[in-house]
C-alpha atoms as a PDB file:
ATOM      1  CA  MET A   1      21.000   9.088 -11.015  1.00  0.00           C
ATOM      2  CA  ALA A   2      22.272   7.442 -14.179  1.00  0.00           C
ATOM      3  CA  ASP A   3      22.298   9.446 -17.407  1.00  0.00           C
ATOM      4  CA  TYR A   4      20.327   8.200 -20.403  1.00  0.00           C
ATOM      5  CA  ASP A   5      22.441   7.980 -23.554  1.00  0.00           C
ATOM      6  CA  PHE A   6      20.699   7.219 -26.851  1.00  0.00           C
ATOM      7  CA  VAL A   7      21.629   4.006 -28.708  1.00  0.00           C
ATOM      8  CA  ALA A   8      21.067   4.283 -32.474  1.00  0.00           C
ATOM      9  CA  ASP A   9      19.671   1.299 -34.394  1.00  0.00           C
ATOM     10  CA  SER A  10      22.742   1.439 -36.648  1.00  0.00           C
ATOM     11  CA  GLU A  11      24.945   0.663 -33.612  1.00  0.00           C
ATOM     12  CA  LEU A  12      23.053  -2.621 -33.178  1.00  0.00           C
ATOM     13  CA  ASP A  13      23.144  -3.752 -36.832  1.00  0.00           C
ATOM     14  CA  PRO A  14      25.011  -7.002 -37.622  1.00  0.00           C
ATOM     15  CA  GLY A  15      28.648  -6.232 -38.239  1.00  0.00           C
ATOM     16  CA  SER A  16      28.576  -3.011 -36.200  1.00  0.00           C
ATOM     17  CA  PRO A  17      31.560  -2.595 -33.890  1.00  0.00           C
ATOM     18  CA  MET A  18      31.065  -3.519 -30.258  1.00  0.00           C
ATOM     19  CA  ASN A  19      32.838  -1.081 -27.982  1.00  0.00           C
ATOM     20  CA  THR A  20      32.940   0.063 -24.383  1.00  0.00           C
ATOM     21  CA  SER A  21      30.739   3.093 -25.085  1.00  0.00           C
ATOM     22  CA  LEU A  22      27.942   0.924 -26.513  1.00  0.00           C
ATOM     23  CA  PHE A  23      28.070  -1.623 -23.690  1.00  0.00           C
ATOM     24  CA  THR A  24      28.138   1.121 -21.048  1.00  0.00           C
ATOM     25  CA  ARG A  25      25.001   2.711 -22.527  1.00  0.00           C
ATOM     26  CA  LEU A  26      23.259  -0.681 -22.801  1.00  0.00           C
ATOM     27  CA  ALA A  27      24.110  -1.397 -19.159  1.00  0.00           C
ATOM     28  CA  ARG A  28      23.149   2.015 -17.724  1.00  0.00           C
ATOM     29  CA  ASN A  29      20.121   2.981 -19.801  1.00  0.00           C
ATOM     30  CA  PRO A  30      17.680   0.600 -18.020  1.00  0.00           C
ATOM     31  CA  GLU A  31      18.637   2.225 -14.701  1.00  0.00           C
ATOM     32  CA  ALA A  32      18.202   5.701 -16.216  1.00  0.00           C
ATOM     33  CA  ILE A  33      14.748   4.704 -17.556  1.00  0.00           C
ATOM     34  CA  ALA A  34      13.668   3.389 -14.137  1.00  0.00           C
ATOM     35  CA  GLU A  35      14.887   6.595 -12.450  1.00  0.00           C
ATOM     36  CA  GLY A  36      13.170   8.876 -14.975  1.00  0.00           C
ATOM     37  CA  SER A  37      16.362  10.542 -16.208  1.00  0.00           C
ATOM     38  CA  ALA A  38      16.070  13.397 -18.697  1.00  0.00           C
ATOM     39  CA  GLY A  39      15.548  12.141 -22.253  1.00  0.00           C
ATOM     40  CA  ALA A  40      14.826   8.563 -21.169  1.00  0.00           C
ATOM     41  CA  PRO A  41      11.644   6.819 -22.325  1.00  0.00           C
ATOM     42  CA  ARG A  42       8.932   6.840 -19.636  1.00  0.00           C
ATOM     43  CA  ILE A  43       7.565   3.688 -18.047  1.00  0.00           C
ATOM     44  CA  GLN A  44       3.836   3.378 -18.684  1.00  0.00           C
ATOM     45  CA  VAL A  45       1.555   2.541 -15.744  1.00  0.00           C
ATOM     46  CA  GLU A  46      -0.069  -0.177 -17.883  1.00  0.00           C
ATOM     47  CA  ALA A  47       3.300  -1.972 -17.927  1.00  0.00           C
ATOM     48  CA  LEU A  48       3.356  -2.427 -14.149  1.00  0.00           C
ATOM     49  CA  GLU A  49       2.774  -5.930 -12.849  1.00  0.00           C
ATOM     50  CA  GLU A  50      -0.807  -6.876 -11.900  1.00  0.00           C
ATOM     51  CA  LEU A  51      -1.194  -7.627  -8.184  1.00  0.00           C
ATOM     52  CA  THR A  52      -2.453 -10.941  -6.814  1.00  0.00           C
ATOM     53  CA  ALA A  53      -3.535 -11.627  -3.240  1.00  0.00           C
ATOM     54  CA  GLY A  54      -1.048 -13.676  -1.247  1.00  0.00           C
ATOM     55  CA  ASP A  55       0.941 -13.722   1.981  1.00  0.00           C
ATOM     56  CA  VAL A  56       4.084 -11.832   0.949  1.00  0.00           C
ATOM     57  CA  VAL A  57       4.063  -8.717   3.136  1.00  0.00           C
ATOM     58  CA  ARG A  58       4.904  -5.618   1.088  1.00  0.00           C
ATOM     59  CA  TYR A  59       3.927  -2.834   3.506  1.00  0.00           C
ATOM     60  CA  ALA A  60       3.383  -3.159   7.240  1.00  0.00           C
ATOM     61  CA  TYR A  61       2.360  -0.960  10.148  1.00  0.00           C
ATOM     62  CA  SER A  62       3.132  -2.507  13.505  1.00  0.00           C
ATOM     63  CA  GLY A  63       3.823   0.552  15.574  1.00  0.00           C
ATOM     64  CA  PRO A  64       2.067   1.874  18.652  1.00  0.00           C
ATOM     65  CA  THR A  65      -1.527   0.797  19.162  1.00  0.00           C
ATOM     66  CA  VAL A  66      -3.935   3.181  17.455  1.00  0.00           C
ATOM     67  CA  ALA A  67      -7.280   3.534  19.193  1.00  0.00           C
ATOM     68  CA  SER A  68     -10.604   5.194  18.403  1.00  0.00           C
ATOM     69  CA  ASN A  69     -14.041   5.440  19.956  1.00  0.00           C
ATOM     70  CA  GLY A  70     -17.471   6.678  18.900  1.00  0.00           C
ATOM     71  CA  THR A  71     -20.446   5.501  16.877  1.00  0.00           C
ATOM     72  CA  LEU A  72     -19.589   7.215  13.580  1.00  0.00           C
ATOM     73  CA  TRP A  73     -17.404   5.666  10.881  1.00  0.00           C
ATOM     74  CA  ARG A  74     -13.877   7.077  11.163  1.00  0.00           C
ATOM     75  CA  THR A  75     -11.039   6.532   8.688  1.00  0.00           C
ATOM     76  CA  PHE A  76      -7.973   4.969  10.284  1.00  0.00           C
ATOM     77  CA  VAL A  77      -5.903   4.968   7.101  1.00  0.00           C
ATOM     78  CA  GLY A  78      -6.400   5.548   3.394  1.00  0.00           C
ATOM     79  CA  PHE A  79      -4.163   4.895   0.428  1.00  0.00           C
ATOM     80  CA  TYR A  80      -4.095   5.001  -3.388  1.00  0.00           C
ATOM     81  CA  PHE A  81      -2.669   2.409  -5.765  1.00  0.00           C
ATOM     82  CA  VAL A  82      -1.131   2.825  -9.223  1.00  0.00           C
ATOM     83  CA  GLN A  83      -1.460  -0.890 -10.009  1.00  0.00           C
ATOM     84  CA  GLN A  84      -4.496  -3.070 -10.477  1.00  0.00           C
ATOM     85  CA  GLY A  85      -5.315  -6.577  -9.297  1.00  0.00           C
ATOM     86  CA  THR A  86      -6.090  -7.952  -5.843  1.00  0.00           C
ATOM     87  CA  ILE A  87      -4.312  -7.244  -2.559  1.00  0.00           C
ATOM     88  CA  ARG A  88      -4.667  -8.948   0.796  1.00  0.00           C
ATOM     89  CA  LEU A  89      -5.076  -6.740   3.866  1.00  0.00           C
ATOM     90  CA  LYS A  90      -4.316  -8.266   7.264  1.00  0.00           C
ATOM     91  CA  ILE A  91      -5.549  -6.377  10.298  1.00  0.00           C
ATOM     92  CA  GLU A  92      -5.102  -7.125  14.013  1.00  0.00           C
ATOM     93  CA  PHE A  93      -7.594  -5.410  16.291  1.00  0.00           C
ATOM     94  CA  ARG A  94      -9.827  -5.735  19.331  1.00  0.00           C
ATOM     95  CA  SER A  95     -12.450  -3.913  21.348  1.00  0.00           C
ATOM     96  CA  SER A  96     -11.457  -2.486  24.732  1.00  0.00           C
ATOM     97  CA  ASN A  97     -14.628  -3.886  26.276  1.00  0.00           C
ATOM     98  CA  SER A  98     -17.453  -6.253  25.398  1.00  0.00           C
ATOM     99  CA  THR A  99     -19.239  -3.816  23.072  1.00  0.00           C
ATOM    100  CA  ASN A 100     -19.118  -4.450  19.323  1.00  0.00           C
ATOM    101  CA  ARG A 101     -16.561  -2.694  17.143  1.00  0.00           C
ATOM    102  CA  ASP A 102     -17.054  -2.716  13.389  1.00  0.00           C
ATOM    103  CA  THR A 103     -14.346  -2.493  10.744  1.00  0.00           C
ATOM    104  CA  ARG A 104     -14.933  -1.923   7.059  1.00  0.00           C
ATOM    105  CA  ILE A 105     -12.945  -1.384   3.888  1.00  0.00           C
ATOM    106  CA  LEU A 106     -14.073   1.043   1.202  1.00  0.00           C
ATOM    107  CA  VAL A 107     -12.756   1.020  -2.371  1.00  0.00           C
ATOM    108  CA  ASP A 108     -13.451   4.300  -4.155  1.00  0.00           C
ATOM    109  CA  GLY A 109     -16.045   5.108  -1.482  1.00  0.00           C
ATOM    110  CA  VAL A 110     -17.929   1.797  -1.826  1.00  0.00           C
ATOM    111  CA  GLU A 111     -18.011  -0.690   1.066  1.00  0.00           C
ATOM    112  CA  VAL A 112     -16.469  -4.000  -0.067  1.00  0.00           C
ATOM    113  CA  TRP A 113     -15.746  -5.764   3.265  1.00  0.00           C
ATOM    114  CA  THR A 114     -16.929  -5.605   6.881  1.00  0.00           C
ATOM    115  CA  HIS A 115     -16.039  -7.386  10.117  1.00  0.00           C
ATOM    116  CA  GLU A 116     -17.300  -7.113  13.688  1.00  0.00           C
ATOM    117  CA  ALA A 117     -14.954  -7.435  16.690  1.00  0.00           C
ATOM    118  CA  LEU A 118     -16.933  -8.886  19.581  1.00  0.00           C
ATOM    119  CA  GLY A 119     -14.436  -9.044  22.414  1.00  0.00           C
ATOM    120  CA  THR A 120     -11.281  -7.872  24.078  1.00  0.00           C
ATOM    121  CA  ASP A 121      -8.962 -10.569  22.650  1.00  0.00           C
ATOM    122  CA  TRP A 122      -6.666  -9.512  19.806  1.00  0.00           C
ATOM    123  CA  GLU A 123      -7.975 -10.895  16.517  1.00  0.00           C
ATOM    124  CA  ILE A 124      -6.243 -11.081  13.113  1.00  0.00           C
ATOM    125  CA  VAL A 125      -8.482 -11.023  10.048  1.00  0.00           C
ATOM    126  CA  SER A 126      -7.666 -10.778   6.371  1.00  0.00           C
ATOM    127  CA  ALA A 127      -9.542  -9.635   3.308  1.00  0.00           C
ATOM    128  CA  ASP A 128      -8.750  -9.989  -0.390  1.00  0.00           C
ATOM    129  CA  ILE A 129      -9.594  -6.673  -2.031  1.00  0.00           C
ATOM    130  CA  PRO A 130      -9.819  -6.197  -5.814  1.00  0.00           C
ATOM    131  CA  ILE A 131      -8.500  -2.812  -6.952  1.00  0.00           C
ATOM    132  CA  SER A 132      -8.227  -0.886 -10.194  1.00  0.00           C
ATOM    133  CA  ARG A 133      -5.507   1.587 -11.183  1.00  0.00           C
ATOM    134  CA  GLY A 134      -5.805   4.747  -9.116  1.00  0.00           C
ATOM    135  CA  ALA A 135      -8.187   3.110  -6.618  1.00  0.00           C
ATOM    136  CA  SER A 136      -8.524   4.678  -3.194  1.00  0.00           C
ATOM    137  CA  ILE A 137      -8.873   2.338  -0.229  1.00  0.00           C
ATOM    138  CA  GLU A 138      -9.991   3.373   3.250  1.00  0.00           C
ATOM    139  CA  LEU A 139      -9.945   1.305   6.426  1.00  0.00           C
ATOM    140  CA  GLN A 140     -12.654   2.567   8.800  1.00  0.00           C
ATOM    141  CA  TYR A 141     -13.878   1.785  12.334  1.00  0.00           C
ATOM    142  CA  LYS A 142     -16.873   2.506  14.548  1.00  0.00           C
ATOM    143  CA  GLY A 143     -18.451   1.210  17.734  1.00  0.00           C
ATOM    144  CA  ASP A 144     -22.019   0.598  18.838  1.00  0.00           C
ATOM    145  CA  SER A 145     -21.671   3.045  21.729  1.00  0.00           C
ATOM    146  CA  GLY A 146     -19.384   5.824  22.854  1.00  0.00           C
ATOM    147  CA  VAL A 147     -18.076   3.556  25.623  1.00  0.00           C
ATOM    148  CA  GLY A 148     -14.676   1.948  25.167  1.00  0.00           C
ATOM    149  CA  PHE A 149     -12.603   2.057  22.029  1.00  0.00           C
ATOM    150  CA  HIS A 150     -11.347   0.088  19.028  1.00  0.00           C
ATOM    151  CA  GLU A 151      -7.621  -0.733  18.979  1.00  0.00           C
ATOM    152  CA  THR A 152      -5.422  -1.678  16.016  1.00  0.00           C
ATOM    153  CA  ARG A 153      -1.781  -2.674  16.310  1.00  0.00           C
ATOM    154  CA  LEU A 154      -1.020  -4.387  12.975  1.00  0.00           C
ATOM    155  CA  LEU A 155      -1.933  -3.642   9.367  1.00  0.00           C
ATOM    156  CA  GLU A 156      -0.229  -5.465   6.500  1.00  0.00           C
ATOM    157  CA  ILE A 157      -0.647  -5.108   2.744  1.00  0.00           C
ATOM    158  CA  CYS A 158       0.260  -8.402   1.067  1.00  0.00           C
ATOM    159  CA  THR A 159       0.604  -9.732  -2.480  1.00  0.00           C
ATOM    160  CA  GLY A 160       1.439 -13.026  -4.132  1.00  0.00           C
ATOM    161  CA  GLY A 161       5.020 -11.780  -4.448  1.00  0.00           C
ATOM    162  CA  GLU A 162       4.554  -8.801  -6.741  1.00  0.00           C
ATOM    163  CA  ILE A 163       6.107  -5.490  -5.760  1.00  0.00           C
ATOM    164  CA  ILE A 164       3.658  -2.719  -4.925  1.00  0.00           C
ATOM    165  CA  PHE A 165       4.847   0.494  -6.476  1.00  0.00           C
ATOM    166  CA  PRO A 166       4.715   3.639  -4.359  1.00  0.00           C
ATOM    167  CA  MET A 167       1.361   4.565  -2.924  1.00  0.00           C
ATOM    168  CA  VAL A 168       0.134   7.512  -0.900  1.00  0.00           C
ATOM    169  CA  SER A 169      -1.136   6.957   2.622  1.00  0.00           C
ATOM    170  CA  ASP A 170      -2.439   9.155   5.394  1.00  0.00           C
ATOM    171  CA  ALA A 171      -3.912   8.480   8.815  1.00  0.00           C
ATOM    172  CA  ASP A 172      -6.528  10.420  10.761  1.00  0.00           C
ATOM    173  CA  VAL A 173      -4.621  11.751  13.754  1.00  0.00           C
ATOM    174  CA  SER A 174      -7.895  12.415  15.580  1.00  0.00           C
ATOM    175  CA  LEU A 175      -8.297   8.654  16.023  1.00  0.00           C
ATOM    176  CA  ALA A 176      -5.265   8.508  18.272  1.00  0.00           C
ATOM    177  CA  ILE A 177      -6.051   8.532  21.958  1.00  0.00           C
ATOM    178  CA  ASP A 178      -2.324   8.425  22.691  1.00  0.00           C
ATOM    179  CA  PRO A 179      -0.794  11.750  21.511  1.00  0.00           C
ATOM    180  CA  ILE A 180       2.444  10.050  20.369  1.00  0.00           C
ATOM    181  CA  ILE A 181       0.706   8.535  17.329  1.00  0.00           C
ATOM    182  CA  PRO A 182       2.058  10.321  14.234  1.00  0.00           C
ATOM    183  CA  LYS A 183      -0.244  11.831  11.602  1.00  0.00           C
ATOM    184  CA  MET A 184       1.417   9.808   8.840  1.00  0.00           C
ATOM    185  CA  ILE A 185       1.504   6.096   9.523  1.00  0.00           C
ATOM    186  CA  GLU A 186       5.084   4.888   9.459  1.00  0.00           C
ATOM    187  CA  TRP A 187       4.859   2.202   6.792  1.00  0.00           C
ATOM    188  CA  ASN A 188       7.677  -0.308   6.574  1.00  0.00           C
ATOM    189  CA  LEU A 189       8.420  -1.225   2.968  1.00  0.00           C
ATOM    190  CA  LEU A 190       9.268  -4.928   2.857  1.00  0.00           C
END
């Protein structure tokens, strides 16, 4: 971690000497600010870039197939954002049989998107989801009977190119029929 070293206004006045110490501090202080070094000014959340929906993948889960069954809504994954704007979620899923499997997205507990999987072929769908700072998003599934199950093998969070700053995510391990599915989804930061 870089150290933050104060630069006085008088060191930047016209006619002030330019020296190695000044240039070193000017070069290293931005890194120290970004890392949160002691004494460094703090970055304000309001200064973070607003997100726009697009096709640049920023986080992706493409691990083992996660499956669930039942007629009650179950949370597959949930996460929180520090930025605001709109994200694009891409989801690949299918039903294990011909019964319907519903998927929905909740933002702060309110349903904002739904989709029904009608067959056994893998299907990729996307949804543009507006979010506010601190928003919680949940991806949930349910079936119309206890027969068969809902499978997901891809989940991507995309923007128009903006970087998504760290977010918290957790998966419901009880959804996993296969015991090798980890409790925390292994997100790949892209």
